Amino acid sequence: MFKKTLYIFILLLCFCGLEVLCQSKTLIPKQNLTISDGLAHNGVTSILEDSRGFLWVGTYDGLNRYDGYDLKVYKNTLDRDVLVSNRIRSLAEDDKSNIWIGTDEGISMYNYSEEKYLNVYSNKTNNKRERGPIVRDININNNSGLVVCATEGDGVLVLKNDQTFVGQYIPDPNEIRKNVLFFESVQLDDDFYIFSSSVGLLTFNVRNGQFKKVLGANISQSTSVLKMDENTLLATISNGIAICKFSKIKGDYSFDLQHIALEDYQFNSSLIDVLGNLWLGTFNDGIIHVENIKTQDFIKPFETLRFKPKTGILRSSCFSSVTNGSCWFGTFSDGLFKFDIKENPFDKYSVGMGLDLGLQSNHIAHIAPIDSNRVYLGNRIFGSNSGGIDIFNTQTKSFEKLPFNISKKDIENVGAVYVDSKKNVWIKLVNKGLYRVKVGTTNLEKITDSDGGDFSKINPRSFTEDNNGNIWIGCLNDVYKITIGKNNEVKNIESLNSNPFFKDNNLSLVRYVYKDPLYDFIWLGADSDGLFRVDLRNKGAVRDFKVFQFVNDEKTNYLFLVILLLL
C-alpha cells in the first residue's frame, strides 16, 4: 500500500512539474543579426546601448557598433591593433561616455571625445604574466569614480575612472579554497558589491577588499545576479532561480532566501526589462520569459514564454533592454536576436485564416466605426463585381454576425459601407445601388434619386457627414450630397457637378471627402485635379455653394495657401 501511494505521489509531482511547460507560449524575434549582416562573429558575449543610442556588441572576434542600419566592426588585424584582445567579454559606459571593454586579455576603452581606443589593463603589461585577465563584468560607480571588474580566476580588479589601477583583490584561500570565477556584479551601495561566481554569491567591500560568502548552504554556484528592487535580488543558480531579500545592519549586509523556482532549468544569464518582465537565458535551450516577475508569488505556476529553434540547441549568453522598447538577446552560436518588449498592438487577419464569420476578401476598401470596439469592413474586390462586408470587434478580436437582413448574394456584392452619427448604416451594392439600414431597423432601404438619377452606377470611395447631418459621398465621377430630414428621412440628393464651377470640367476620380472640424467646409481630394474646398456657409443648394480649387504650382506652396485660407 505504501509503495502504491508513493508511486501515485511521484506521478502527481511529475504532472505538477509539467504544468509550467503546458502554459508556455512562443516568443517571436523581430530581427536576427549574424555574420551575414556584418556581425564580427556569431558568438555574442555582451551588449550595451550607449548614451548616444548606439548598440555595442561584443563577440569572440571583435566589437561591433550598430546604428540601426549598419554594423561597424572594430578588431585587431595583421596591420593594426585596436583592442587588447578580439575576444570581447563585457561592456560598460562611464559618465564621460567612454566605453569600457572587458576582454580575454584585459581591458580596453573607447574614448568618444578623441575617437580612439586605449588599452587600460592587461596581465602582460601590469604583472608580466602571459595571459589574462578574462574580464567578465565591468561595474562603474560614477559616485565614487571606481570601476570594479569581475574576472575569471584573477579576482576583482578595481580601477579609477581615469584608468588608474587601484588594486587586485582575491578571496582568502583559507575561506574559499577554490579558484573563483567571477561572472556578474550588482552594486549594493558605494562600498558593497555582490558577485555571482563559481562558488555562489560573494559580497565584496571595496573599502577593505574583503569578500564574504552568503547563502552558502543553499547556493553553491551562480551565473548571474540582478536587483529586482531596492531590497530584493534574483540570482540564477545551479538549478533554477533564487529570490533573496537583503538589508544592511550595523555596516554589513544580511541575506534571506525567499524562493527557489524553475528548478528544472539551468540558466546562465538574466535581465528584468523596463516593464518588469524577466528574461532568462538557458545553457542550451534558448529563452524563458516571465511577465511581471515582481507580481509573482512563486507559489502558483506562472505562465512563461519560450524561444528556441525547432532544431538544434541555442546557447544563451546575454541580454540588454534598450530605450526603444526592445530587448536584445545574445547567443554563443546564432548571433543576436531582437524582441519587442511591449505587446504588438497590431494583429493581422486574412481570408486564408478561415475564421468563423471572417473576411470575404483581403481587399479592405472601407472601414466604418460602429462604436469604440466594433467596425464594419467593406471588402470591395477591385477590378471585379464582387465584395463583402464584415463586423470586427477589436476588444474580443473576433468577427460578429451582421445585425440586419441581407442575402448571401448581396453580402458578396457589398462595395462600400459607412455609419453616420445617427447609427444608420449606408451600403453600396454592386450594380444595384445605394442602400441604408435605418437605426432601429433590420432591413435594407434603397436610396433613390427623386430627380431620376441612377444610383446603381455610383462607385463610392469615401463618405463624410456635415454639421447638419447630411451625407456626402465621393465617387468615381461625382460627389453627392444626401440631405437628411428631421425624421431621419432622405429629403433630397444633389450632384456637385451641377455647380457652375464644374460646368466645363466635371469632377472625376474623387478619392476622399472630408468635413473640416473647424469651419463649415467640405474638402475633396481628387486623383489628378488637386484639392477642392466647398463652402457650405450660405446653407443653399449645392449648385450655389462656392468652390475653390488648389493645384500644385512650382511657384507656390499650395499647402501653405490652404492654411492661410483656413485662418
Protein backbone atom coordinates (compact mmCIF):
# COMPACT_ATOMS: atom_id res chain seq x y z
CA MET A 1 0.00 0.00 0.00
CA PHE A 2 2.83 2.38 0.88
CA LYS A 3 4.56 1.72 -2.46
CA LYS A 4 1.34 2.29 -4.39
CA THR A 5 0.76 5.61 -2.59
CA LEU A 6 4.37 6.63 -3.24
CA TYR A 7 4.05 5.90 -6.97
CA ILE A 8 0.86 7.98 -7.19
CA PHE A 9 2.57 10.83 -5.32
CA ILE A 10 5.54 10.74 -7.72
CA LEU A 11 3.21 10.79 -10.73
CA LEU A 12 1.38 13.80 -9.31
CA LEU A 13 4.71 15.58 -8.85
CA CYS A 14 5.61 14.85 -12.45
CA PHE A 15 2.35 16.31 -13.72
CA CYS A 16 2.75 19.36 -11.48
CA GLY A 17 6.22 19.89 -12.90
CA LEU A 18 4.80 19.81 -16.41
CA GLU A 19 2.22 22.49 -15.62
CA VAL A 20 4.54 25.43 -16.33
CA LEU A 21 5.58 23.86 -19.64
CA CYS A 22 1.95 23.40 -20.64
CA GLN A 23 1.38 27.10 -20.08
CA SER A 24 4.33 28.18 -22.23
CA LYS A 25 3.80 30.29 -25.34
CA THR A 26 6.25 31.20 -28.07
CA LEU A 27 8.38 34.34 -28.30
CA ILE A 28 8.88 35.57 -31.85
CA PRO A 29 12.04 37.59 -32.65
CA LYS A 30 11.73 40.68 -34.82
CA GLN A 31 15.31 40.57 -36.07
CA ASN A 32 18.34 38.29 -36.13
CA LEU A 33 21.80 39.76 -36.81
CA THR A 34 24.58 37.36 -37.79
CA ILE A 35 27.91 37.47 -39.61
CA SER A 36 25.89 37.65 -42.83
CA ASP A 37 24.64 41.06 -41.69
CA GLY A 38 28.10 42.30 -40.71
CA LEU A 39 28.39 40.95 -37.17
CA ALA A 40 32.03 40.30 -36.30
CA HIS A 41 31.25 36.78 -35.03
CA ASN A 42 28.13 34.74 -34.30
CA GLY A 43 29.37 34.20 -30.75
CA VAL A 44 27.94 37.23 -28.91
CA THR A 45 29.14 37.80 -25.35
CA SER A 46 27.93 41.27 -24.35
CA ILE A 47 25.54 44.04 -25.40
CA LEU A 48 25.43 47.72 -24.44
CA GLU A 49 23.27 50.64 -25.55
CA ASP A 50 25.30 53.81 -25.03
CA SER A 51 24.08 57.31 -24.19
CA ARG A 52 24.13 58.26 -27.88
CA GLY A 53 21.77 55.43 -28.82
CA PHE A 54 24.36 53.18 -30.48
CA LEU A 55 24.26 49.46 -29.74
CA TRP A 56 27.68 47.95 -28.95
CA VAL A 57 28.01 44.20 -29.39
CA GLY A 58 30.95 42.22 -28.04
CA THR A 59 31.80 38.97 -29.81
CA TYR A 60 34.52 36.33 -29.75
CA ASP A 61 36.19 38.01 -32.72
CA GLY A 62 35.81 41.74 -32.37
CA LEU A 63 33.49 44.56 -31.39
CA ASN A 64 30.51 45.94 -33.33
CA ARG A 65 28.73 49.28 -33.19
CA TYR A 66 25.21 49.21 -34.60
CA ASP A 67 23.25 52.34 -35.58
CA GLY A 68 20.05 50.50 -36.50
CA TYR A 69 21.15 50.12 -40.12
CA ASP A 70 24.80 49.15 -40.35
CA LEU A 71 27.21 47.16 -38.19
CA LYS A 72 30.67 48.67 -37.91
CA VAL A 73 33.46 46.31 -36.83
CA TYR A 74 36.40 47.16 -34.56
CA LYS A 75 39.05 44.46 -34.21
CA ASN A 76 42.75 43.75 -34.33
CA THR A 77 44.17 42.93 -37.73
CA LEU A 78 47.59 41.97 -39.02
CA ASP A 79 48.27 45.63 -39.76
CA ARG A 80 46.76 47.28 -36.70
CA ASP A 81 46.00 46.53 -33.04
CA VAL A 82 42.85 48.24 -31.77
CA LEU A 83 41.96 46.23 -28.67
CA VAL A 84 43.93 44.35 -26.07
CA SER A 85 42.14 41.25 -27.42
CA ASN A 86 39.50 40.48 -30.04
CA ARG A 87 37.67 38.19 -27.61
CA ILE A 88 35.25 40.65 -26.00
CA ARG A 89 33.55 39.61 -22.74
CA SER A 90 31.91 42.71 -21.20
CA LEU A 91 30.94 46.32 -21.94
CA ALA A 92 30.12 49.39 -19.82
CA GLU A 93 29.86 53.17 -20.24
CA ASP A 94 31.10 55.79 -17.77
CA ASP A 95 29.72 59.29 -17.17
CA LYS A 96 32.15 60.73 -19.73
CA SER A 97 30.62 58.45 -22.40
CA ASN A 98 33.77 56.32 -22.58
CA ILE A 99 33.10 52.68 -23.46
CA TRP A 100 34.98 50.20 -21.23
CA ILE A 101 35.66 46.89 -22.93
CA GLY A 102 36.46 43.73 -20.98
CA THR A 103 38.29 41.05 -22.99
CA ASP A 104 40.09 37.73 -22.53
CA GLU A 105 43.35 39.66 -22.13
CA GLY A 106 42.31 42.63 -20.02
CA ILE A 107 40.58 45.97 -20.50
CA SER A 108 40.43 48.43 -23.40
CA MET A 109 38.50 51.68 -23.62
CA TYR A 110 36.96 53.69 -26.44
CA ASN A 111 37.35 57.43 -25.82
CA TYR A 112 34.40 59.09 -27.54
CA SER A 113 35.78 62.63 -27.33
CA GLU A 114 39.05 61.63 -29.01
CA GLU A 115 37.51 58.83 -31.11
CA LYS A 116 40.28 56.40 -30.31
CA TYR A 117 40.90 53.16 -28.42
CA LEU A 118 43.19 52.81 -25.39
CA ASN A 119 44.50 49.69 -23.69
CA VAL A 120 43.83 50.18 -19.97
CA TYR A 121 44.93 46.97 -18.25
CA SER A 122 46.36 43.54 -19.04
CA ASN A 123 48.40 40.98 -17.12
CA LYS A 124 51.09 41.18 -19.76
CA THR A 125 51.75 44.88 -19.14
CA ASN A 126 50.97 45.05 -15.40
CA ASN A 127 52.44 41.91 -13.87
CA LYS A 128 54.30 40.35 -16.80
CA ARG A 129 52.05 37.29 -16.94
CA GLU A 130 51.44 35.91 -20.40
CA ARG A 131 47.64 35.83 -20.46
CA GLY A 132 44.56 37.42 -18.96
CA PRO A 133 42.72 38.56 -17.12
CA ILE A 134 39.38 37.41 -18.57
CA VAL A 135 37.14 40.32 -17.60
CA ARG A 136 33.55 39.07 -17.37
CA ASP A 137 31.87 42.14 -15.90
CA ILE A 138 32.59 45.88 -15.53
CA ASN A 139 30.65 47.85 -12.91
CA ILE A 140 31.20 51.63 -12.97
CA ASN A 141 30.33 53.68 -9.88
CA ASN A 142 30.06 57.27 -11.06
CA ASN A 143 29.63 58.49 -7.47
CA SER A 144 32.93 57.11 -6.20
CA GLY A 145 34.72 57.18 -9.54
CA LEU A 146 35.65 53.49 -9.16
CA VAL A 147 35.49 50.81 -11.84
CA VAL A 148 35.04 47.31 -10.37
CA CYS A 149 35.82 44.42 -12.72
CA ALA A 150 34.97 40.73 -12.25
CA THR A 151 37.45 38.23 -13.72
CA GLU A 152 37.73 34.50 -14.22
CA GLY A 153 40.45 33.36 -11.82
CA ASP A 154 42.12 36.73 -11.24
CA GLY A 155 39.78 38.02 -8.57
CA VAL A 156 38.29 41.50 -8.65
CA LEU A 157 40.16 44.40 -10.25
CA VAL A 158 39.49 47.95 -9.07
CA LEU A 159 40.47 50.98 -11.14
CA LYS A 160 39.62 54.66 -11.09
CA ASN A 161 37.62 56.11 -13.93
CA ASP A 162 40.77 57.92 -15.08
CA GLN A 163 42.21 54.42 -15.78
CA THR A 164 44.48 54.45 -12.70
CA PHE A 165 44.91 50.97 -11.26
CA VAL A 166 43.83 50.69 -7.59
CA GLY A 167 44.28 47.03 -6.80
CA GLN A 168 43.59 43.35 -7.38
CA TYR A 169 41.53 41.51 -4.75
CA ILE A 170 41.30 37.74 -4.40
CA PRO A 171 39.16 35.82 -1.87
CA ASP A 172 41.07 34.38 1.10
CA PRO A 173 42.12 30.83 0.09
CA ASN A 174 41.67 29.72 3.70
CA GLU A 175 37.97 30.57 3.48
CA ILE A 176 37.32 29.79 -0.17
CA ARG A 177 39.69 27.10 -1.34
CA LYS A 178 38.64 27.00 -4.97
CA ASN A 179 39.91 29.31 -7.69
CA VAL A 180 36.91 31.61 -8.08
CA LEU A 181 35.43 32.51 -11.45
CA PHE A 182 33.55 35.78 -11.04
CA PHE A 183 30.70 36.38 -13.51
CA GLU A 184 28.46 39.37 -12.73
CA SER A 185 28.11 42.04 -10.07
CA VAL A 186 25.44 44.24 -8.51
CA GLN A 187 26.31 47.41 -6.63
CA LEU A 188 24.54 47.41 -3.25
CA ASP A 189 25.89 50.83 -2.25
CA ASP A 190 29.10 52.85 -2.75
CA ASP A 191 31.10 50.37 -0.65
CA PHE A 192 29.48 46.96 -1.18
CA TYR A 193 29.03 44.77 -4.24
CA ILE A 194 27.64 41.27 -4.62
CA PHE A 195 29.03 38.89 -7.24
CA SER A 196 27.70 35.76 -8.90
CA SER A 197 30.52 33.25 -9.13
CA SER A 198 31.55 29.63 -9.49
CA VAL A 199 31.29 29.26 -5.69
CA GLY A 200 27.94 31.02 -5.25
CA LEU A 201 27.20 34.58 -4.14
CA LEU A 202 30.03 36.68 -2.68
CA THR A 203 29.85 40.17 -1.22
CA PHE A 204 32.83 42.48 -1.68
CA ASN A 205 33.69 45.53 0.41
CA VAL A 206 35.64 47.84 -1.87
CA ARG A 207 37.00 49.83 1.09
CA ASN A 208 38.79 46.94 2.82
CA GLY A 209 38.94 44.43 -0.03
CA GLN A 210 37.16 41.72 1.98
CA PHE A 211 34.93 39.00 0.50
CA LYS A 212 32.14 37.16 2.27
CA LYS A 213 30.19 34.15 1.03
CA VAL A 214 26.43 34.44 1.52
CA LEU A 215 23.67 31.82 1.48
CA GLY A 216 26.32 29.16 1.06
CA ALA A 217 24.08 26.37 2.36
CA ASN A 218 21.58 26.98 -0.45
CA ILE A 219 23.58 28.45 -3.33
CA SER A 220 26.79 26.73 -4.39
CA GLN A 221 27.06 28.36 -7.81
CA SER A 222 25.57 31.41 -9.51
CA THR A 223 25.98 32.54 -13.10
CA SER A 224 24.17 35.89 -12.90
CA VAL A 225 22.66 38.26 -10.35
CA LEU A 226 20.42 41.32 -10.61
CA LYS A 227 18.35 43.65 -8.45
CA MET A 228 14.58 43.19 -8.56
CA ASP A 229 14.07 46.20 -6.27
CA GLU A 230 15.91 48.06 -3.52
CA ASN A 231 15.95 45.05 -1.17
CA THR A 232 15.48 42.02 -3.44
CA LEU A 233 17.96 40.09 -5.57
CA LEU A 234 17.41 37.46 -8.23
CA ALA A 235 20.25 35.04 -8.91
CA THR A 236 20.48 32.24 -11.44
CA ILE A 237 21.84 29.19 -9.63
CA SER A 238 22.79 25.59 -10.42
CA ASN A 239 19.14 24.67 -10.94
CA GLY A 240 16.65 27.47 -11.39
CA ILE A 241 16.50 30.94 -9.91
CA ALA A 242 16.78 32.16 -6.32
CA ILE A 243 14.92 35.16 -4.89
CA CYS A 244 16.70 36.75 -1.91
CA LYS A 245 15.88 39.65 0.40
CA PHE A 246 18.76 41.75 1.72
CA SER A 247 19.22 44.51 4.27
CA LYS A 248 22.10 46.44 5.80
CA ILE A 249 22.54 46.11 9.57
CA LYS A 250 25.40 47.69 11.51
CA GLY A 251 27.51 48.31 8.44
CA ASP A 252 27.12 44.83 6.92
CA TYR A 253 24.58 43.11 4.71
CA SER A 254 22.40 40.14 5.62
CA PHE A 255 20.57 37.96 3.11
CA ASP A 256 17.45 35.81 3.38
CA LEU A 257 16.50 33.24 0.75
CA GLN A 258 12.79 33.61 -0.12
CA HIS A 259 12.10 31.30 -3.04
CA ILE A 260 13.73 28.92 -5.50
CA ALA A 261 11.84 28.46 -8.78
CA LEU A 262 12.21 26.91 -12.25
CA GLU A 263 14.43 24.19 -10.82
CA ASP A 264 14.16 22.09 -13.99
CA TYR A 265 16.29 24.60 -15.89
CA GLN A 266 19.89 25.77 -15.89
CA PHE A 267 20.39 29.45 -16.65
CA ASN A 268 23.49 31.49 -17.42
CA SER A 269 22.04 34.98 -17.98
CA SER A 270 19.15 37.13 -16.78
CA LEU A 271 17.51 40.52 -17.23
CA ILE A 272 14.49 42.41 -15.92
CA ASP A 273 13.34 44.83 -18.61
CA VAL A 274 11.74 48.26 -18.17
CA LEU A 275 8.26 46.69 -17.92
CA GLY A 276 9.30 44.29 -15.16
CA ASN A 277 9.43 41.20 -17.36
CA LEU A 278 12.07 38.58 -16.57
CA TRP A 279 14.27 37.20 -19.34
CA LEU A 280 16.26 34.05 -18.56
CA GLY A 281 18.86 32.59 -20.90
CA THR A 282 19.43 28.84 -20.64
CA PHE A 283 22.64 26.96 -21.31
CA ASN A 284 21.26 25.11 -24.34
CA ASP A 285 17.50 25.69 -24.64
CA GLY A 286 17.08 29.35 -25.56
CA ILE A 287 14.95 31.80 -23.56
CA ILE A 288 12.35 31.53 -20.83
CA HIS A 289 10.37 34.75 -20.33
CA VAL A 290 8.16 35.55 -17.33
CA GLU A 291 5.90 38.60 -17.46
CA ASN A 292 5.70 40.94 -14.44
CA ILE A 293 8.09 38.93 -12.30
CA LYS A 294 7.68 41.32 -9.37
CA THR A 295 3.99 40.40 -9.04
CA GLN A 296 4.61 36.64 -8.88
CA ASP A 297 4.10 34.88 -5.54
CA PHE A 298 6.25 31.87 -6.61
CA ILE A 299 3.61 29.53 -5.21
CA LYS A 300 1.29 29.19 -8.19
CA PRO A 301 2.81 28.12 -11.52
CA PHE A 302 3.29 31.18 -13.70
CA GLU A 303 2.86 31.45 -17.43
CA THR A 304 6.07 31.53 -19.42
CA LEU A 305 7.07 32.44 -22.96
CA ARG A 306 9.74 30.42 -24.75
CA PHE A 307 12.14 30.97 -27.61
CA LYS A 308 14.11 28.10 -29.05
CA PRO A 309 14.75 26.97 -32.64
CA LYS A 310 12.85 23.91 -33.77
CA THR A 311 16.08 22.03 -34.37
CA GLY A 312 19.37 22.02 -32.50
CA ILE A 313 20.44 23.81 -29.35
CA LEU A 314 20.54 27.53 -28.64
CA ARG A 315 23.19 28.63 -26.15
CA SER A 316 22.34 31.88 -24.42
CA SER A 317 24.94 34.46 -23.43
CA CYS A 318 23.46 37.87 -22.54
CA PHE A 319 20.55 40.32 -22.66
CA SER A 320 20.13 44.08 -22.98
CA SER A 321 16.95 46.16 -22.67
CA VAL A 322 17.14 49.32 -24.80
CA THR A 323 15.29 52.62 -24.89
CA ASN A 324 13.18 51.97 -28.00
CA GLY A 325 11.20 49.25 -26.20
CA SER A 326 13.20 46.27 -27.40
CA CYS A 327 15.21 43.50 -25.79
CA TRP A 328 18.36 42.18 -27.46
CA PHE A 329 19.41 38.59 -26.82
CA GLY A 330 22.94 37.37 -27.47
CA THR A 331 23.85 33.76 -28.20
CA PHE A 332 27.12 31.86 -28.40
CA SER A 333 26.45 30.50 -31.89
CA ASP A 334 23.48 32.18 -33.58
CA GLY A 335 24.27 35.87 -33.33
CA LEU A 336 21.93 38.48 -31.94
CA PHE A 337 18.12 38.42 -31.68
CA LYS A 338 15.79 41.37 -31.16
CA PHE A 339 12.42 41.08 -29.39
CA ASP A 340 9.70 43.65 -28.79
CA ILE A 341 9.15 44.17 -25.06
CA LYS A 342 5.69 45.67 -25.48
CA GLU A 343 2.93 43.60 -26.99
CA ASN A 344 2.42 44.46 -30.64
CA PRO A 345 -0.87 46.41 -30.85
CA PHE A 346 -1.36 45.26 -34.44
CA ASP A 347 -2.99 42.00 -35.47
CA LYS A 348 -3.36 40.63 -38.97
CA TYR A 349 -6.38 38.84 -40.37
CA SER A 350 -6.82 37.34 -43.82
CA VAL A 351 -9.16 35.12 -45.78
CA GLY A 352 -6.64 32.30 -45.57
CA MET A 353 -7.08 32.04 -41.79
CA GLY A 354 -10.54 30.54 -42.31
CA LEU A 355 -12.05 32.35 -39.30
CA ASP A 356 -15.72 31.95 -38.42
CA LEU A 357 -17.66 34.92 -39.88
CA GLY A 358 -14.30 36.08 -41.22
CA LEU A 359 -13.25 38.26 -44.12
CA GLN A 360 -14.87 37.92 -47.52
CA SER A 361 -11.81 39.41 -49.22
CA ASN A 362 -8.29 40.57 -48.36
CA HIS A 363 -9.00 43.89 -50.12
CA ILE A 364 -10.38 46.23 -47.43
CA ALA A 365 -11.69 49.38 -49.11
CA HIS A 366 -13.81 50.85 -46.30
CA ILE A 367 -13.60 50.86 -42.50
CA ALA A 368 -16.65 52.29 -40.72
CA PRO A 369 -16.62 52.60 -36.91
CA ILE A 370 -19.78 51.40 -35.15
CA ASP A 371 -18.71 52.14 -31.59
CA SER A 372 -15.48 52.19 -29.57
CA ASN A 373 -14.88 48.46 -30.13
CA ARG A 374 -16.53 47.48 -33.42
CA VAL A 375 -16.11 48.39 -37.07
CA TYR A 376 -17.67 47.45 -40.39
CA LEU A 377 -15.23 46.32 -43.06
CA GLY A 378 -16.16 46.85 -46.70
CA ASN A 379 -14.31 44.26 -48.76
CA ARG A 380 -14.58 45.60 -52.29
CA ILE A 381 -12.60 43.43 -54.70
CA PHE A 382 -11.09 45.88 -57.14
CA GLY A 383 -11.43 45.13 -60.82
CA SER A 384 -14.42 42.82 -60.25
CA ASN A 385 -18.12 42.97 -59.46
CA SER A 386 -17.84 41.38 -56.04
CA GLY A 387 -17.01 42.33 -52.48
CA GLY A 388 -18.19 41.69 -48.94
CA ILE A 389 -18.99 43.12 -45.52
CA ASP A 390 -17.93 42.07 -42.03
CA ILE A 391 -18.08 43.30 -38.44
CA PHE A 392 -14.88 43.06 -36.42
CA ASN A 393 -14.71 43.50 -32.64
CA THR A 394 -11.31 44.91 -31.65
CA GLN A 395 -11.84 44.05 -27.98
CA THR A 396 -12.70 40.37 -28.44
CA LYS A 397 -10.59 40.17 -31.62
CA SER A 398 -13.34 38.28 -33.37
CA PHE A 399 -15.81 38.71 -36.22
CA GLU A 400 -19.53 39.12 -35.47
CA LYS A 401 -22.79 38.36 -37.21
CA LEU A 402 -24.36 41.20 -39.20
CA PRO A 403 -27.27 42.82 -37.29
CA PHE A 404 -29.52 43.28 -40.34
CA ASN A 405 -31.13 41.11 -43.00
CA ILE A 406 -29.07 40.70 -46.14
CA SER A 407 -28.82 37.80 -48.55
CA LYS A 408 -25.59 35.91 -49.10
CA LYS A 409 -25.54 37.12 -52.70
CA ASP A 410 -25.91 40.74 -51.61
CA ILE A 411 -23.14 40.30 -49.00
CA GLU A 412 -20.83 39.24 -51.80
CA ASN A 413 -21.76 42.43 -53.71
CA VAL A 414 -21.12 44.98 -50.95
CA GLY A 415 -18.74 47.58 -52.34
CA ALA A 416 -18.75 50.23 -49.62
CA VAL A 417 -20.06 50.80 -46.09
CA TYR A 418 -20.46 53.84 -43.82
CA VAL A 419 -22.05 54.51 -40.41
CA ASP A 420 -23.35 58.03 -39.77
CA SER A 421 -23.78 59.84 -36.45
CA LYS A 422 -27.36 58.55 -36.08
CA LYS A 423 -26.04 54.97 -36.49
CA ASN A 424 -27.66 54.50 -39.89
CA VAL A 425 -25.63 52.06 -41.99
CA TRP A 426 -25.06 53.03 -45.64
CA ILE A 427 -24.20 50.21 -48.03
CA LYS A 428 -23.40 50.20 -51.74
CA LEU A 429 -24.33 47.00 -53.56
CA VAL A 430 -22.52 46.48 -56.86
CA ASN A 431 -24.87 47.01 -59.84
CA LYS A 432 -27.86 47.54 -57.52
CA GLY A 433 -27.34 50.95 -55.95
CA LEU A 434 -27.09 52.61 -52.56
CA TYR A 435 -28.96 51.22 -49.56
CA ARG A 436 -29.47 52.25 -45.96
CA VAL A 437 -30.30 50.30 -42.81
CA LYS A 438 -32.03 52.89 -40.64
CA VAL A 439 -31.19 52.81 -36.95
CA GLY A 440 -33.64 50.55 -35.11
CA THR A 441 -34.49 48.51 -38.23
CA THR A 442 -33.05 45.35 -39.80
CA ASN A 443 -34.00 45.74 -43.47
CA LEU A 444 -32.21 47.43 -46.36
CA GLU A 445 -33.89 50.56 -47.75
CA LYS A 446 -32.93 51.52 -51.30
CA ILE A 447 -31.93 55.15 -51.80
CA THR A 448 -33.37 56.60 -54.99
CA ASP A 449 -32.83 59.98 -56.58
CA SER A 450 -36.07 61.94 -56.84
CA ASP A 451 -34.69 63.60 -59.97
CA GLY A 452 -34.40 60.24 -61.68
CA GLY A 453 -30.66 59.74 -61.22
CA ASP A 454 -29.39 56.19 -61.49
CA PHE A 455 -27.71 55.42 -58.17
CA SER A 456 -26.86 51.89 -59.27
CA LYS A 457 -23.92 53.34 -61.20
CA ILE A 458 -22.25 55.28 -58.41
CA ASN A 459 -18.93 53.99 -57.14
CA PRO A 460 -18.38 55.38 -53.60
CA ARG A 461 -14.84 55.87 -52.45
CA SER A 462 -15.40 57.98 -49.35
CA PHE A 463 -18.18 59.22 -47.06
CA THR A 464 -18.48 62.11 -44.63
CA GLU A 465 -21.21 63.94 -42.71
CA ASP A 466 -21.61 67.71 -42.46
CA ASN A 467 -22.72 69.78 -39.46
CA ASN A 468 -26.40 69.35 -40.38
CA GLY A 469 -26.26 65.56 -40.56
CA ASN A 470 -26.24 65.44 -44.36
CA ILE A 471 -24.21 62.70 -46.05
CA TRP A 472 -21.55 63.48 -48.66
CA ILE A 473 -20.30 60.70 -50.92
CA GLY A 474 -17.16 60.95 -53.03
CA CYS A 475 -17.48 58.80 -56.14
CA LEU A 476 -15.56 57.92 -59.25
CA ASN A 477 -17.14 60.66 -61.38
CA ASP A 478 -19.02 62.92 -58.97
CA VAL A 479 -19.72 63.94 -55.38
CA TYR A 480 -23.24 63.64 -53.99
CA LYS A 481 -24.94 65.36 -51.08
CA ILE A 482 -27.82 63.44 -49.46
CA THR A 483 -29.96 65.77 -47.36
CA ILE A 484 -31.41 64.11 -44.25
CA GLY A 485 -34.60 65.46 -42.65
CA LYS A 486 -35.54 65.85 -39.00
CA ASN A 487 -37.24 62.44 -39.01
CA ASN A 488 -34.19 60.70 -40.46
CA GLU A 489 -35.77 60.61 -43.92
CA VAL A 490 -33.92 61.20 -47.20
CA LYS A 491 -35.23 64.55 -48.47
CA ASN A 492 -33.02 65.30 -51.44
CA ILE A 493 -29.98 64.12 -53.41
CA GLU A 494 -27.78 66.64 -55.24
CA SER A 495 -24.80 66.30 -57.53
CA LEU A 496 -21.82 68.60 -57.04
CA ASN A 497 -21.26 68.50 -60.79
CA SER A 498 -24.42 70.63 -61.02
CA ASN A 499 -22.42 73.51 -59.54
CA PRO A 500 -21.35 76.02 -62.23
CA PHE A 501 -17.74 75.65 -61.11
CA PHE A 502 -17.69 72.20 -62.78
CA LYS A 503 -19.59 73.22 -65.92
CA ASP A 504 -16.64 72.74 -68.26
CA ASN A 505 -14.66 70.21 -66.23
CA ASN A 506 -16.67 67.69 -64.23
CA LEU A 507 -15.31 66.10 -61.09
CA SER A 508 -13.56 62.80 -61.60
CA LEU A 509 -11.68 60.28 -59.50
CA VAL A 510 -12.55 61.84 -56.14
CA ARG A 511 -10.60 59.79 -53.65
CA TYR A 512 -11.62 61.41 -50.38
CA VAL A 513 -14.26 63.73 -48.91
CA TYR A 514 -13.51 65.35 -45.56
CA LYS A 515 -15.58 67.52 -43.21
CA ASP A 516 -13.48 70.35 -41.82
CA PRO A 517 -13.61 70.12 -37.99
CA LEU A 518 -13.26 73.90 -37.52
CA TYR A 519 -15.06 75.52 -40.45
CA ASP A 520 -18.21 74.73 -42.40
CA PHE A 521 -16.25 73.38 -45.35
CA ILE A 522 -16.12 70.09 -47.21
CA TRP A 523 -12.71 69.21 -48.66
CA LEU A 524 -12.33 66.97 -51.72
CA GLY A 525 -9.13 65.21 -52.75
CA ALA A 526 -9.07 64.27 -56.43
CA ASP A 527 -6.76 61.92 -58.29
CA SER A 528 -5.22 64.50 -60.64
CA ASP A 529 -7.23 67.71 -60.22
CA GLY A 530 -5.82 68.65 -56.83
CA LEU A 531 -7.73 69.79 -53.77
CA PHE A 532 -11.21 71.36 -53.69
CA ARG A 533 -12.90 73.29 -50.92
CA VAL A 534 -16.72 73.54 -50.84
CA ASP A 535 -18.02 76.40 -48.68
CA LEU A 536 -21.31 75.40 -47.01
CA ARG A 537 -21.86 78.61 -45.09
CA ASN A 538 -24.64 80.03 -47.31
CA LYS A 539 -26.88 76.99 -46.49
CA GLY A 540 -28.27 76.96 -50.01
CA ALA A 541 -28.41 74.36 -52.73
CA VAL A 542 -25.29 72.56 -53.91
CA ARG A 543 -25.31 74.50 -57.17
CA ASP A 544 -24.99 77.73 -55.16
CA PHE A 545 -22.04 76.71 -52.99
CA LYS A 546 -18.73 78.48 -53.55
CA VAL A 547 -15.99 76.09 -54.69
CA PHE A 548 -12.24 76.73 -54.65
CA GLN A 549 -9.58 74.60 -56.31
CA PHE A 550 -5.95 74.25 -55.27
CA VAL A 551 -3.41 72.61 -57.54
CA ASN A 552 0.30 72.07 -57.42
CA ASP A 553 2.23 75.09 -58.63
CA GLU A 554 6.01 75.15 -58.83
CA LYS A 555 5.95 78.81 -57.79
CA THR A 556 3.51 78.41 -54.90
CA ASN A 557 3.33 76.15 -51.91
CA TYR A 558 -0.38 75.31 -52.21
CA LEU A 559 -0.44 73.64 -48.80
CA PHE A 560 0.64 76.96 -47.28
CA LEU A 561 -2.13 78.66 -49.28
CA VAL A 562 -4.71 76.26 -47.86
CA ILE A 563 -3.58 77.03 -44.33
CA LEU A 564 -3.90 80.77 -44.99
CA LEU A 565 -7.42 80.33 -46.33
CA LEU A 566 -8.41 78.47 -43.18
CA LEU A 567 -7.31 81.32 -40.91
